[in-house]
């Protein structure tokens, strides 16, 4: 993720952070499911106050651009319907879980394929 804050910009720093993340999410530079840095981590890397980045994240979440999943972190939200967003969230959680379980990509995809085929067969 590449963000730069310009001191000479007339927009407040939190608005610059909000606008840059929103633009990158909309353009696909930050893909759906991309895990954003923590508020503290991004604040440190940009040289901003933690509250400034927290304000930007709250605005982005209100706009539906990002979603916070508790202790799991903050992610770029899926665009589209609520059903699509929920499916994307479930897929992300599944991917993280099978990785932790040590399954390979082919095994993880095969398990999903089998579950989807079974769900739609009945």
PDB file of N, CA and C in Angstrom:
ATOM      1  N   UNK A   1       0.851  -1.176   0.000  1.00  0.00           N
ATOM      2  CA  UNK A   1       0.000   0.000   0.000  1.00  0.00           C
ATOM      3  C   UNK A   1       0.888   1.228   0.000  1.00  0.00           C
ATOM      4  N   UNK A   2       0.593   2.136  -0.876  1.00  0.00           N
ATOM      5  CA  UNK A   2       1.400   3.341  -1.003  1.00  0.00           C
ATOM      6  C   UNK A   2       0.549   4.578  -0.728  1.00  0.00           C
ATOM      7  N   UNK A   3       0.858   5.248   0.363  1.00  0.00           N
ATOM      8  CA  UNK A   3       0.150   6.480   0.714  1.00  0.00           C
ATOM      9  C   UNK A   3       1.167   7.562   1.005  1.00  0.00           C
ATOM     10  N   UNK A   4       0.879   8.755   0.543  1.00  0.00           N
ATOM     11  CA  UNK A   4       1.719   9.908   0.862  1.00  0.00           C
ATOM     12  C   UNK A   4       0.809  11.046   1.283  1.00  0.00           C
ATOM     13  N   UNK A   5       1.191  11.687   2.352  1.00  0.00           N
ATOM     14  CA  UNK A   5       0.442  12.825   2.857  1.00  0.00           C
ATOM     15  C   UNK A   5       1.250  14.074   2.552  1.00  0.00           C
ATOM     16  N   UNK A   6       0.578  15.068   1.976  1.00  0.00           N
ATOM     17  CA  UNK A   6       1.264  16.310   1.629  1.00  0.00           C
ATOM     18  C   UNK A   6       0.898  17.378   2.641  1.00  0.00           C
ATOM     19  N   UNK A   7       1.906  17.911   3.288  1.00  0.00           N
ATOM     20  CA  UNK A   7       1.709  18.959   4.289  1.00  0.00           C
ATOM     21  C   UNK A   7       1.132  20.215   3.644  1.00  0.00           C
ATOM     22  N   UNK A   8       1.542  20.505   2.393  1.00  0.00           N
ATOM     23  CA  UNK A   8       1.090  21.722   1.720  1.00  0.00           C
ATOM     24  C   UNK A   8      -0.296  21.573   1.089  1.00  0.00           C
ATOM     25  N   UNK A   9      -0.909  20.413   1.213  1.00  0.00           N
ATOM     26  CA  UNK A   9      -2.246  20.175   0.676  1.00  0.00           C
ATOM     27  C   UNK A   9      -3.271  20.875   1.568  1.00  0.00           C
ATOM     28  N   UNK A  10      -4.290  21.461   0.968  1.00  0.00           N
ATOM     29  CA  UNK A  10      -5.300  22.164   1.763  1.00  0.00           C
ATOM     30  C   UNK A  10      -6.230  21.201   2.496  1.00  0.00           C
ATOM     31  N   UNK A  11      -6.299  19.949   2.034  1.00  0.00           N
ATOM     32  CA  UNK A  11      -7.152  18.953   2.706  1.00  0.00           C
ATOM     33  C   UNK A  11      -6.482  18.492   3.996  1.00  0.00           C
ATOM     34  N   UNK A  12      -7.262  18.303   5.059  1.00  0.00           N
ATOM     35  CA  UNK A  12      -6.689  17.818   6.316  1.00  0.00           C
ATOM     36  C   UNK A  12      -6.079  16.428   6.122  1.00  0.00           C
ATOM     37  N   UNK A  13      -5.084  16.076   6.921  1.00  0.00           N
ATOM     38  CA  UNK A  13      -4.430  14.766   6.763  1.00  0.00           C
ATOM     39  C   UNK A  13      -5.393  13.581   6.810  1.00  0.00           C
ATOM     40  N   UNK A  14      -6.391  13.603   7.716  1.00  0.00           N
ATOM     41  CA  UNK A  14      -7.309  12.456   7.773  1.00  0.00           C
ATOM     42  C   UNK A  14      -8.076  12.315   6.470  1.00  0.00           C
ATOM     43  N   UNK A  15      -8.422  13.442   5.842  1.00  0.00           N
ATOM     44  CA  UNK A  15      -9.155  13.417   4.579  1.00  0.00           C
ATOM     45  C   UNK A  15      -8.256  12.907   3.449  1.00  0.00           C
ATOM     46  N   UNK A  16      -6.977  13.249   3.504  1.00  0.00           N
ATOM     47  CA  UNK A  16      -6.042  12.734   2.506  1.00  0.00           C
ATOM     48  C   UNK A  16      -5.921  11.218   2.618  1.00  0.00           C
ATOM     49  N   UNK A  17      -5.822  10.714   3.848  1.00  0.00           N
ATOM     50  CA  UNK A  17      -5.744   9.260   4.064  1.00  0.00           C
ATOM     51  C   UNK A  17      -7.028   8.607   3.559  1.00  0.00           C
ATOM     52  N   UNK A  18      -8.179   9.161   3.940  1.00  0.00           N
ATOM     53  CA  UNK A  18      -9.466   8.607   3.507  1.00  0.00           C
ATOM     54  C   UNK A  18      -9.576   8.584   1.985  1.00  0.00           C
ATOM     55  N   UNK A  19      -9.237   9.701   1.356  1.00  0.00           N
ATOM     56  CA  UNK A  19      -9.352   9.801  -0.104  1.00  0.00           C
ATOM     57  C   UNK A  19      -8.407   8.846  -0.819  1.00  0.00           C
ATOM     58  N   UNK A  20      -7.159   8.729  -0.345  1.00  0.00           N
ATOM     59  CA  UNK A  20      -6.181   7.866  -1.016  1.00  0.00           C
ATOM     60  C   UNK A  20      -6.574   6.390  -0.901  1.00  0.00           C
ATOM     61  N   UNK A  21      -7.012   5.967   0.281  1.00  0.00           N
ATOM     62  CA  UNK A  21      -7.422   4.573   0.451  1.00  0.00           C
ATOM     63  C   UNK A  21      -8.670   4.299  -0.383  1.00  0.00           C
ATOM     64  N   UNK A  22      -9.604   5.221  -0.372  1.00  0.00           N
ATOM     65  CA  UNK A  22     -10.831   5.055  -1.159  1.00  0.00           C
ATOM     66  C   UNK A  22     -10.509   4.944  -2.647  1.00  0.00           C
ATOM     67  N   UNK A  23      -9.644   5.808  -3.145  1.00  0.00           N
ATOM     68  CA  UNK A  23      -9.248   5.773  -4.561  1.00  0.00           C
ATOM     69  C   UNK A  23      -8.583   4.450  -4.911  1.00  0.00           C
ATOM     70  N   UNK A  24      -7.666   3.999  -4.035  1.00  0.00           N
ATOM     71  CA  UNK A  24      -6.946   2.758  -4.316  1.00  0.00           C
ATOM     72  C   UNK A  24      -7.867   1.546  -4.254  1.00  0.00           C
ATOM     73  N   UNK A  25      -8.853   1.562  -3.358  1.00  0.00           N
ATOM     74  CA  UNK A  25      -9.816   0.463  -3.286  1.00  0.00           C
ATOM     75  C   UNK A  25     -10.698   0.454  -4.531  1.00  0.00           C
ATOM     76  N   UNK A  26     -11.145   1.632  -4.951  1.00  0.00           N
ATOM     77  CA  UNK A  26     -12.011   1.743  -6.121  1.00  0.00           C
ATOM     78  C   UNK A  26     -11.286   1.324  -7.399  1.00  0.00           C
ATOM     79  N   UNK A  27     -10.002   1.648  -7.510  1.00  0.00           N
ATOM     80  CA  UNK A  27      -9.241   1.330  -8.721  1.00  0.00           C
ATOM     81  C   UNK A  27      -8.772  -0.119  -8.758  1.00  0.00           C
ATOM     82  N   UNK A  28      -8.837  -0.797  -7.602  1.00  0.00           N
ATOM     83  CA  UNK A  28      -8.353  -2.174  -7.547  1.00  0.00           C
ATOM     84  C   UNK A  28      -6.909  -2.276  -7.107  1.00  0.00           C
ATOM     85  N   UNK A  29      -6.239  -1.133  -6.911  1.00  0.00           N
ATOM     86  CA  UNK A  29      -4.856  -1.163  -6.420  1.00  0.00           C
ATOM     87  C   UNK A  29      -4.805  -1.823  -5.040  1.00  0.00           C
ATOM     88  N   UNK A  30      -5.870  -1.636  -4.265  1.00  0.00           N
ATOM     89  CA  UNK A  30      -6.061  -2.357  -3.000  1.00  0.00           C
ATOM     90  C   UNK A  30      -7.235  -3.301  -3.251  1.00  0.00           C
ATOM     91  N   UNK A  31      -6.963  -4.592  -3.456  1.00  0.00           N
ATOM     92  CA  UNK A  31      -8.040  -5.518  -3.806  1.00  0.00           C
ATOM     93  C   UNK A  31      -8.959  -5.830  -2.630  1.00  0.00           C
ATOM     94  N   UNK A  32     -10.146  -6.296  -2.948  1.00  0.00           N
ATOM     95  CA  UNK A  32     -11.096  -6.729  -1.926  1.00  0.00           C
ATOM     96  C   UNK A  32     -10.412  -7.776  -1.051  1.00  0.00           C
ATOM     97  N   UNK A  33     -10.563  -7.611   0.250  1.00  0.00           N
ATOM     98  CA  UNK A  33      -9.957  -8.550   1.190  1.00  0.00           C
ATOM     99  C   UNK A  33      -8.554  -8.184   1.616  1.00  0.00           C
ATOM    100  N   UNK A  34      -7.975  -7.144   1.000  1.00  0.00           N
ATOM    101  CA  UNK A  34      -6.621  -6.713   1.374  1.00  0.00           C
ATOM    102  C   UNK A  34      -6.645  -6.230   2.821  1.00  0.00           C
ATOM    103  N   UNK A  35      -5.712  -6.733   3.606  1.00  0.00           N
ATOM    104  CA  UNK A  35      -5.639  -6.334   5.011  1.00  0.00           C
ATOM    105  C   UNK A  35      -4.850  -5.041   5.131  1.00  0.00           C
ATOM    106  N   UNK A  36      -5.497  -4.037   5.667  1.00  0.00           N
ATOM    107  CA  UNK A  36      -4.854  -2.734   5.857  1.00  0.00           C
ATOM    108  C   UNK A  36      -3.960  -2.762   7.094  1.00  0.00           C
ATOM    109  N   UNK A  37      -2.985  -1.873   7.142  1.00  0.00           N
ATOM    110  CA  UNK A  37      -2.167  -1.775   8.354  1.00  0.00           C
ATOM    111  C   UNK A  37      -3.037  -1.371   9.549  1.00  0.00           C
ATOM    112  N   UNK A  38      -2.557  -1.662  10.735  1.00  0.00           N
ATOM    113  CA  UNK A  38      -3.266  -1.204  11.924  1.00  0.00           C
ATOM    114  C   UNK A  38      -3.268   0.322  11.924  1.00  0.00           C
ATOM    115  N   UNK A  39      -4.173   0.885  12.683  1.00  0.00           N
ATOM    116  CA  UNK A  39      -4.231   2.345  12.805  1.00  0.00           C
ATOM    117  C   UNK A  39      -2.878   2.858  13.293  1.00  0.00           C
ATOM    118  N   UNK A  40      -2.361   2.230  14.333  1.00  0.00           N
ATOM    119  CA  UNK A  40      -1.080   2.655  14.900  1.00  0.00           C
ATOM    120  C   UNK A  40       0.062   2.502  13.890  1.00  0.00           C
ATOM    121  N   UNK A  41       0.071   1.377  13.177  1.00  0.00           N
ATOM    122  CA  UNK A  41       1.125   1.129  12.189  1.00  0.00           C
ATOM    123  C   UNK A  41       1.112   2.132  11.054  1.00  0.00           C
ATOM    124  N   UNK A  42      -0.080   2.431  10.533  1.00  0.00           N
ATOM    125  CA  UNK A  42      -0.176   3.404   9.444  1.00  0.00           C
ATOM    126  C   UNK A  42       0.176   4.800   9.935  1.00  0.00           C
ATOM    127  N   UNK A  43      -0.273   5.133  11.144  1.00  0.00           N
ATOM    128  CA  UNK A  43       0.052   6.449  11.712  1.00  0.00           C
ATOM    129  C   UNK A  43       1.566   6.617  11.826  1.00  0.00           C
ATOM    130  N   UNK A  44       2.245   5.587  12.317  1.00  0.00           N
ATOM    131  CA  UNK A  44       3.710   5.665  12.450  1.00  0.00           C
ATOM    132  C   UNK A  44       4.384   5.811  11.096  1.00  0.00           C
ATOM    133  N   UNK A  45       3.935   5.017  10.104  1.00  0.00           N
ATOM    134  CA  UNK A  45       4.590   5.069   8.789  1.00  0.00           C
ATOM    135  C   UNK A  45       4.359   6.393   8.074  1.00  0.00           C
ATOM    136  N   UNK A  46       3.227   7.058   8.372  1.00  0.00           N
ATOM    137  CA  UNK A  46       2.935   8.346   7.732  1.00  0.00           C
ATOM    138  C   UNK A  46       3.361   9.547   8.566  1.00  0.00           C
ATOM    139  N   UNK A  47       3.763   9.286   9.805  1.00  0.00           N
ATOM    140  CA  UNK A  47       4.146  10.382  10.686  1.00  0.00           C
ATOM    141  C   UNK A  47       2.942  11.195  11.147  1.00  0.00           C
ATOM    142  N   UNK A  48       1.819  10.519  11.333  1.00  0.00           N
ATOM    143  CA  UNK A  48       0.592  11.174  11.762  1.00  0.00           C
ATOM    144  C   UNK A  48       0.196  10.705  13.158  1.00  0.00           C
ATOM    145  N   UNK A  49      -0.697  11.446  13.779  1.00  0.00           N
ATOM    146  CA  UNK A  49      -1.245  11.033  15.069  1.00  0.00           C
ATOM    147  C   UNK A  49      -2.170   9.834  14.860  1.00  0.00           C
ATOM    148  N   UNK A  50      -2.210   8.964  15.842  1.00  0.00           N
ATOM    149  CA  UNK A  50      -3.070   7.782  15.781  1.00  0.00           C
ATOM    150  C   UNK A  50      -4.532   8.194  15.577  1.00  0.00           C
ATOM    151  N   UNK A  51      -4.973   9.240  16.268  1.00  0.00           N
ATOM    152  CA  UNK A  51      -6.365   9.692  16.137  1.00  0.00           C
ATOM    153  C   UNK A  51      -6.701  10.160  14.726  1.00  0.00           C
ATOM    154  N   UNK A  52      -5.718  10.688  14.011  1.00  0.00           N
ATOM    155  CA  UNK A  52      -5.939  11.141  12.635  1.00  0.00           C
ATOM    156  C   UNK A  52      -6.268   9.959  11.736  1.00  0.00           C
ATOM    157  N   UNK A  53      -5.476   8.891  11.852  1.00  0.00           N
ATOM    158  CA  UNK A  53      -5.712   7.693  11.033  1.00  0.00           C
ATOM    159  C   UNK A  53      -6.995   7.001  11.474  1.00  0.00           C
ATOM    160  N   UNK A  54      -7.256   6.965  12.779  1.00  0.00           N
ATOM    161  CA  UNK A  54      -8.489   6.348  13.285  1.00  0.00           C
ATOM    162  C   UNK A  54      -9.711   7.064  12.711  1.00  0.00           C
ATOM    163  N   UNK A  55      -9.659   8.377  12.617  1.00  0.00           N
ATOM    164  CA  UNK A  55     -10.763   9.160  12.060  1.00  0.00           C
ATOM    165  C   UNK A  55     -10.972   8.794  10.581  1.00  0.00           C
ATOM    166  N   UNK A  56      -9.881   8.639   9.841  1.00  0.00           N
ATOM    167  CA  UNK A  56      -9.974   8.260   8.426  1.00  0.00           C
ATOM    168  C   UNK A  56     -10.574   6.860   8.289  1.00  0.00           C
ATOM    169  N   UNK A  57     -10.124   5.916   9.123  1.00  0.00           N
ATOM    170  CA  UNK A  57     -10.647   4.553   9.064  1.00  0.00           C
ATOM    171  C   UNK A  57     -12.144   4.543   9.398  1.00  0.00           C
ATOM    172  N   UNK A  58     -12.573   5.331  10.396  1.00  0.00           N
ATOM    173  CA  UNK A  58     -13.997   5.391  10.748  1.00  0.00           C
ATOM    174  C   UNK A  58     -14.815   5.918   9.560  1.00  0.00           C
ATOM    175  N   UNK A  59     -14.300   6.949   8.895  1.00  0.00           N
ATOM    176  CA  UNK A  59     -15.003   7.505   7.729  1.00  0.00           C
ATOM    177  C   UNK A  59     -15.074   6.479   6.600  1.00  0.00           C
ATOM    178  N   UNK A  60     -13.983   5.765   6.365  1.00  0.00           N
ATOM    179  CA  UNK A  60     -13.959   4.739   5.313  1.00  0.00           C
ATOM    180  C   UNK A  60     -14.918   3.601   5.629  1.00  0.00           C
ATOM    181  N   UNK A  61     -14.994   3.239   6.899  1.00  0.00           N
ATOM    182  CA  UNK A  61     -15.920   2.173   7.290  1.00  0.00           C
ATOM    183  C   UNK A  61     -17.360   2.649   7.111  1.00  0.00           C
ATOM    184  N   UNK A  62     -17.623   3.886   7.466  1.00  0.00           N
ATOM    185  CA  UNK A  62     -18.952   4.456   7.263  1.00  0.00           C
ATOM    186  C   UNK A  62     -19.341   4.506   5.797  1.00  0.00           C
ATOM    187  N   UNK A  63     -18.348   4.697   4.925  1.00  0.00           N
ATOM    188  CA  UNK A  63     -18.583   4.737   3.479  1.00  0.00           C
ATOM    189  C   UNK A  63     -18.688   3.339   2.866  1.00  0.00           C
ATOM    190  N   UNK A  64     -18.399   2.293   3.667  1.00  0.00           N
ATOM    191  CA  UNK A  64     -18.440   0.926   3.153  1.00  0.00           C
ATOM    192  C   UNK A  64     -17.216   0.527   2.361  1.00  0.00           C
ATOM    193  N   UNK A  65     -16.138   1.319   2.443  1.00  0.00           N
ATOM    194  CA  UNK A  65     -14.918   1.025   1.694  1.00  0.00           C
ATOM    195  C   UNK A  65     -14.094  -0.034   2.413  1.00  0.00           C
ATOM    196  N   UNK A  66     -14.082   0.031   3.740  1.00  0.00           N
ATOM    197  CA  UNK A  66     -13.335  -0.937   4.535  1.00  0.00           C
ATOM    198  C   UNK A  66     -14.262  -1.531   5.584  1.00  0.00           C
ATOM    199  N   UNK A  67     -13.836  -2.662   6.151  1.00  0.00           N
ATOM    200  CA  UNK A  67     -14.577  -3.273   7.242  1.00  0.00           C
ATOM    201  C   UNK A  67     -13.590  -3.790   8.273  1.00  0.00           C
ATOM    202  N   UNK A  68     -13.956  -3.601   9.533  1.00  0.00           N
ATOM    203  CA  UNK A  68     -13.124  -4.075  10.622  1.00  0.00           C
ATOM    204  C   UNK A  68     -13.715  -5.376  11.121  1.00  0.00           C
ATOM    205  N   UNK A  69     -12.844  -6.374  11.244  1.00  0.00           N
ATOM    206  CA  UNK A  69     -13.268  -7.701  11.695  1.00  0.00           C
ATOM    207  C   UNK A  69     -12.667  -7.988  13.063  1.00  0.00           C
ATOM    208  N   UNK A  70     -12.976  -7.117  13.989  1.00  0.00           N
ATOM    209  CA  UNK A  70     -12.495  -7.301  15.359  1.00  0.00           C
ATOM    210  C   UNK A  70     -10.994  -7.419  15.429  1.00  0.00           C
ATOM    211  N   UNK A  71     -10.523  -8.431  16.131  1.00  0.00           N
ATOM    212  CA  UNK A  71      -9.083  -8.630  16.311  1.00  0.00           C
ATOM    213  C   UNK A  71      -8.381  -9.105  15.042  1.00  0.00           C
ATOM    214  N   UNK A  72      -9.158  -9.516  14.027  1.00  0.00           N
ATOM    215  CA  UNK A  72      -8.559  -9.995  12.780  1.00  0.00           C
ATOM    216  C   UNK A  72      -8.005  -8.871  11.926  1.00  0.00           C
ATOM    217  N   UNK A  73      -8.463  -7.650  12.171  1.00  0.00           N
ATOM    218  CA  UNK A  73      -7.924  -6.515  11.438  1.00  0.00           C
ATOM    219  C   UNK A  73      -8.960  -5.787  10.607  1.00  0.00           C
ATOM    220  N   UNK A  74      -8.446  -4.911   9.762  1.00  0.00           N
ATOM    221  CA  UNK A  74      -9.270  -4.074   8.902  1.00  0.00           C
ATOM    222  C   UNK A  74      -8.947  -4.416   7.457  1.00  0.00           C
ATOM    223  N   UNK A  75      -9.994  -4.608   6.656  1.00  0.00           N
ATOM    224  CA  UNK A  75      -9.831  -5.093   5.295  1.00  0.00           C
ATOM    225  C   UNK A  75     -10.603  -4.222   4.316  1.00  0.00           C
ATOM    226  N   UNK A  76     -10.155  -4.239   3.049  1.00  0.00           N
ATOM    227  CA  UNK A  76     -10.896  -3.577   1.989  1.00  0.00           C
ATOM    228  C   UNK A  76     -12.178  -4.380   1.799  1.00  0.00           C
ATOM    229  N   UNK A  77     -13.312  -3.692   1.864  1.00  0.00           N
ATOM    230  CA  UNK A  77     -14.614  -4.344   1.771  1.00  0.00           C
ATOM    231  C   UNK A  77     -14.958  -4.672   0.318  1.00  0.00           C
ATOM    232  N   UNK A  78     -15.799  -5.671   0.179  1.00  0.00           N
ATOM    233  CA  UNK A  78     -16.288  -6.033  -1.143  1.00  0.00           C
ATOM    234  C   UNK A  78     -17.301  -4.996  -1.596  1.00  0.00           C
ATOM    235  N   UNK A  79     -17.215  -4.617  -2.835  1.00  0.00           N
ATOM    236  CA  UNK A  79     -18.208  -3.715  -3.402  1.00  0.00           C
ATOM    237  C   UNK A  79     -19.395  -4.553  -3.845  1.00  0.00           C
ATOM    238  N   UNK A  80     -20.547  -3.979  -3.885  1.00  0.00           N
ATOM    239  CA  UNK A  80     -21.708  -4.709  -4.359  1.00  0.00           C
ATOM    240  C   UNK A  80     -22.708  -4.960  -3.259  1.00  0.00           C
ATOM    241  N   UNK A  81     -23.527  -5.961  -3.477  1.00  0.00           N
ATOM    242  CA  UNK A  81     -24.624  -6.233  -2.568  1.00  0.00           C
ATOM    243  C   UNK A  81     -24.134  -6.782  -1.233  1.00  0.00           C
ATOM    244  N   UNK A  82     -24.996  -6.750  -0.252  1.00  0.00           N
ATOM    245  CA  UNK A  82     -24.668  -7.294   1.064  1.00  0.00           C
ATOM    246  C   UNK A  82     -24.337  -8.776   0.958  1.00  0.00           C
ATOM    247  N   UNK A  83     -25.054  -9.498   0.093  1.00  0.00           N
ATOM    248  CA  UNK A  83     -24.781 -10.930  -0.078  1.00  0.00           C
ATOM    249  C   UNK A  83     -23.370 -11.148  -0.632  1.00  0.00           C
ATOM    250  N   UNK A  84     -22.976 -10.324  -1.589  1.00  0.00           N
ATOM    251  CA  UNK A  84     -21.627 -10.437  -2.137  1.00  0.00           C
ATOM    252  C   UNK A  84     -20.581 -10.112  -1.084  1.00  0.00           C
ATOM    253  N   UNK A  85     -20.842  -9.078  -0.277  1.00  0.00           N
ATOM    254  CA  UNK A  85     -19.901  -8.707   0.775  1.00  0.00           C
ATOM    255  C   UNK A  85     -19.768  -9.829   1.798  1.00  0.00           C
ATOM    256  N   UNK A  86     -20.905 -10.430   2.167  1.00  0.00           N
ATOM    257  CA  UNK A  86     -20.861 -11.524   3.140  1.00  0.00           C
ATOM    258  C   UNK A  86     -20.121 -12.731   2.566  1.00  0.00           C
ATOM    259  N   UNK A  87     -20.354 -13.032   1.301  1.00  0.00           N
ATOM    260  CA  UNK A  87     -19.658 -14.147   0.664  1.00  0.00           C
ATOM    261  C   UNK A  87     -18.152 -13.893   0.614  1.00  0.00           C
ATOM    262  N   UNK A  88     -17.772 -12.670   0.302  1.00  0.00           N
ATOM    263  CA  UNK A  88     -16.353 -12.324   0.264  1.00  0.00           C
ATOM    264  C   UNK A  88     -15.722 -12.456   1.644  1.00  0.00           C
ATOM    265  N   UNK A  89     -16.436 -12.014   2.654  1.00  0.00           N
ATOM    266  CA  UNK A  89     -15.944 -12.106   4.021  1.00  0.00           C
ATOM    267  C   UNK A  89     -15.782 -13.568   4.438  1.00  0.00           C
ATOM    268  N   UNK A  90     -16.779 -14.392   4.098  1.00  0.00           N
ATOM    269  CA  UNK A  90     -16.706 -15.819   4.430  1.00  0.00           C
ATOM    270  C   UNK A  90     -15.551 -16.492   3.693  1.00  0.00           C
ATOM    271  N   UNK A  91     -15.357 -16.119   2.438  1.00  0.00           N
ATOM    272  CA  UNK A  91     -14.252 -16.693   1.659  1.00  0.00           C
ATOM    273  C   UNK A  91     -12.907 -16.307   2.251  1.00  0.00           C
ATOM    274  N   UNK A  92     -12.790 -15.053   2.676  1.00  0.00           N
ATOM    275  CA  UNK A  92     -11.543 -14.586   3.291  1.00  0.00           C
ATOM    276  C   UNK A  92     -11.273 -15.355   4.580  1.00  0.00           C
ATOM    277  N   UNK A  93     -12.299 -15.528   5.402  1.00  0.00           N
ATOM    278  CA  UNK A  93     -12.143 -16.271   6.657  1.00  0.00           C
ATOM    279  C   UNK A  93     -11.758 -17.719   6.376  1.00  0.00           C
ATOM    280  N   UNK A  94     -12.382 -18.321   5.364  1.00  0.00           N
ATOM    281  CA  UNK A  94     -12.054 -19.693   4.981  1.00  0.00           C
ATOM    282  C   UNK A  94     -10.597 -19.796   4.526  1.00  0.00           C
ATOM    283  N   UNK A  95     -10.186 -18.871   3.677  1.00  0.00           N
ATOM    284  CA  UNK A  95      -8.812 -18.900   3.165  1.00  0.00           C
ATOM    285  C   UNK A  95      -7.800 -18.789   4.301  1.00  0.00           C
ATOM    286  N   UNK A  96      -8.073 -17.898   5.238  1.00  0.00           N
ATOM    287  CA  UNK A  96      -7.162 -17.754   6.379  1.00  0.00           C
ATOM    288  C   UNK A  96      -7.132 -19.020   7.230  1.00  0.00           C
ATOM    289  N   UNK A  97      -8.306 -19.631   7.417  1.00  0.00           N
ATOM    290  CA  UNK A  97      -8.374 -20.834   8.255  1.00  0.00           C
ATOM    291  C   UNK A  97      -7.647 -22.010   7.624  1.00  0.00           C
ATOM    292  N   UNK A  98      -7.871 -22.268   6.325  1.00  0.00           N
ATOM    293  CA  UNK A  98      -7.210 -23.414   5.699  1.00  0.00           C
ATOM    294  C   UNK A  98      -5.702 -23.204   5.604  1.00  0.00           C
ATOM    295  N   UNK A  99      -5.278 -21.946   5.482  1.00  0.00           N
ATOM    296  CA  UNK A  99      -3.839 -21.674   5.490  1.00  0.00           C
ATOM    297  C   UNK A  99      -3.258 -22.038   6.849  1.00  0.00           C
ATOM    298  N   UNK A 100      -3.966 -21.622   7.930  1.00  0.00           N
ATOM    299  CA  UNK A 100      -3.506 -21.968   9.286  1.00  0.00           C
ATOM    300  C   UNK A 100      -3.498 -23.475   9.508  1.00  0.00           C
ATOM    301  N   UNK A 101      -4.428 -24.176   8.879  1.00  0.00           N
ATOM    302  CA  UNK A 101      -4.490 -25.632   9.021  1.00  0.00           C
ATOM    303  C   UNK A 101      -3.410 -26.340   8.211  1.00  0.00           C
ATOM    304  N   UNK A 102      -2.744 -25.605   7.351  1.00  0.00           N
ATOM    305  CA  UNK A 102      -1.650 -26.177   6.572  1.00  0.00           C
ATOM    306  C   UNK A 102      -2.062 -26.796   5.252  1.00  0.00           C
ATOM    307  N   UNK A 103      -3.294 -26.548   4.807  1.00  0.00           N
ATOM    308  CA  UNK A 103      -3.723 -27.086   3.516  1.00  0.00           C
ATOM    309  C   UNK A 103      -3.110 -26.277   2.379  1.00  0.00           C
ATOM    310  N   UNK A 104      -2.814 -26.963   1.301  1.00  0.00           N
ATOM    311  CA  UNK A 104      -2.306 -26.296   0.115  1.00  0.00           C
ATOM    312  C   UNK A 104      -3.442 -25.661  -0.667  1.00  0.00           C
ATOM    313  N   UNK A 105      -3.084 -24.822  -1.622  1.00  0.00           N
ATOM    314  CA  UNK A 105      -4.091 -24.117  -2.421  1.00  0.00           C
ATOM    315  C   UNK A 105      -5.021 -25.082  -3.147  1.00  0.00           C
ATOM    316  N   UNK A 106      -4.462 -26.131  -3.764  1.00  0.00           N
ATOM    317  CA  UNK A 106      -5.288 -27.095  -4.499  1.00  0.00           C
ATOM    318  C   UNK A 106      -6.267 -27.808  -3.579  1.00  0.00           C
ATOM    319  N   UNK A 107      -5.798 -28.194  -2.387  1.00  0.00           N
ATOM    320  CA  UNK A 107      -6.677 -28.867  -1.420  1.00  0.00           C
ATOM    321  C   UNK A 107      -7.790 -27.931  -0.953  1.00  0.00           C
ATOM    322  N   UNK A 108      -7.449 -26.675  -0.691  1.00  0.00           N
ATOM    323  CA  UNK A 108      -8.431 -25.703  -0.225  1.00  0.00           C
ATOM    324  C   UNK A 108      -9.493 -25.461  -1.298  1.00  0.00           C
ATOM    325  N   UNK A 109      -9.065 -25.298  -2.548  1.00  0.00           N
ATOM    326  CA  UNK A 109     -10.010 -25.072  -3.640  1.00  0.00           C
ATOM    327  C   UNK A 109     -10.888 -26.290  -3.888  1.00  0.00           C
ATOM    328  N   UNK A 110     -10.319 -27.494  -3.770  1.00  0.00           N
ATOM    329  CA  UNK A 110     -11.095 -28.722  -3.956  1.00  0.00           C
ATOM    330  C   UNK A 110     -12.180 -28.834  -2.885  1.00  0.00           C
ATOM    331  N   UNK A 111     -11.858 -28.480  -1.660  1.00  0.00           N
ATOM    332  CA  UNK A 111     -12.838 -28.542  -0.577  1.00  0.00           C
ATOM    333  C   UNK A 111     -13.986 -27.575  -0.844  1.00  0.00           C
ATOM    334  N   UNK A 112     -13.671 -26.379  -1.330  1.00  0.00           N
ATOM    335  CA  UNK A 112     -14.717 -25.402  -1.655  1.00  0.00           C
ATOM    336  C   UNK A 112     -15.573 -25.915  -2.809  1.00  0.00           C
ATOM    337  N   UNK A 113     -14.929 -26.421  -3.839  1.00  0.00           N
ATOM    338  CA  UNK A 113     -15.665 -26.931  -5.001  1.00  0.00           C
ATOM    339  C   UNK A 113     -16.633 -28.025  -4.575  1.00  0.00           C
ATOM    340  N   UNK A 114     -16.171 -28.982  -3.752  1.00  0.00           N
ATOM    341  CA  UNK A 114     -17.018 -30.070  -3.285  1.00  0.00           C
ATOM    342  C   UNK A 114     -18.198 -29.546  -2.459  1.00  0.00           C
ATOM    343  N   UNK A 115     -17.933 -28.571  -1.588  1.00  0.00           N
ATOM    344  CA  UNK A 115     -19.001 -28.026  -0.739  1.00  0.00           C
ATOM    345  C   UNK A 115     -20.035 -27.285  -1.577  1.00  0.00           C
ATOM    346  N   UNK A 116     -19.588 -26.522  -2.562  1.00  0.00           N
ATOM    347  CA  UNK A 116     -20.523 -25.773  -3.415  1.00  0.00           C
ATOM    348  C   UNK A 116     -21.344 -26.741  -4.251  1.00  0.00           C
ATOM    349  N   UNK A 117     -20.715 -27.746  -4.834  1.00  0.00           N
ATOM    350  CA  UNK A 117     -21.442 -28.730  -5.633  1.00  0.00           C
ATOM    351  C   UNK A 117     -22.481 -29.452  -4.773  1.00  0.00           C
ATOM    352  N   UNK A 118     -22.125 -29.817  -3.559  1.00  0.00           N
ATOM    353  CA  UNK A 118     -23.053 -30.513  -2.668  1.00  0.00           C
ATOM    354  C   UNK A 118     -24.223 -29.601  -2.289  1.00  0.00           C
ATOM    355  N   UNK A 119     -23.935 -28.316  -2.027  1.00  0.00           N
ATOM    356  CA  UNK A 119     -24.979 -27.376  -1.627  1.00  0.00           C
ATOM    357  C   UNK A 119     -25.986 -27.148  -2.744  1.00  0.00           C
ATOM    358  N   UNK A 120     -25.531 -27.113  -3.969  1.00  0.00           N
ATOM    359  CA  UNK A 120     -26.423 -26.826  -5.092  1.00  0.00           C
ATOM    360  C   UNK A 120     -27.052 -28.083  -5.680  1.00  0.00           C
ATOM    361  N   UNK A 121     -26.573 -29.268  -5.298  1.00  0.00           N
ATOM    362  CA  UNK A 121     -27.107 -30.516  -5.816  1.00  0.00           C
ATOM    363  C   UNK A 121     -28.430 -30.879  -5.133  1.00  0.00           C
ATOM    364  N   UNK A 122     -28.594 -30.430  -3.899  1.00  0.00           N
ATOM    365  CA  UNK A 122     -29.769 -30.846  -3.134  1.00  0.00           C
ATOM    366  C   UNK A 122     -30.848 -29.914  -3.198  1.00  0.00           C
TER     367      UNK A 122
END
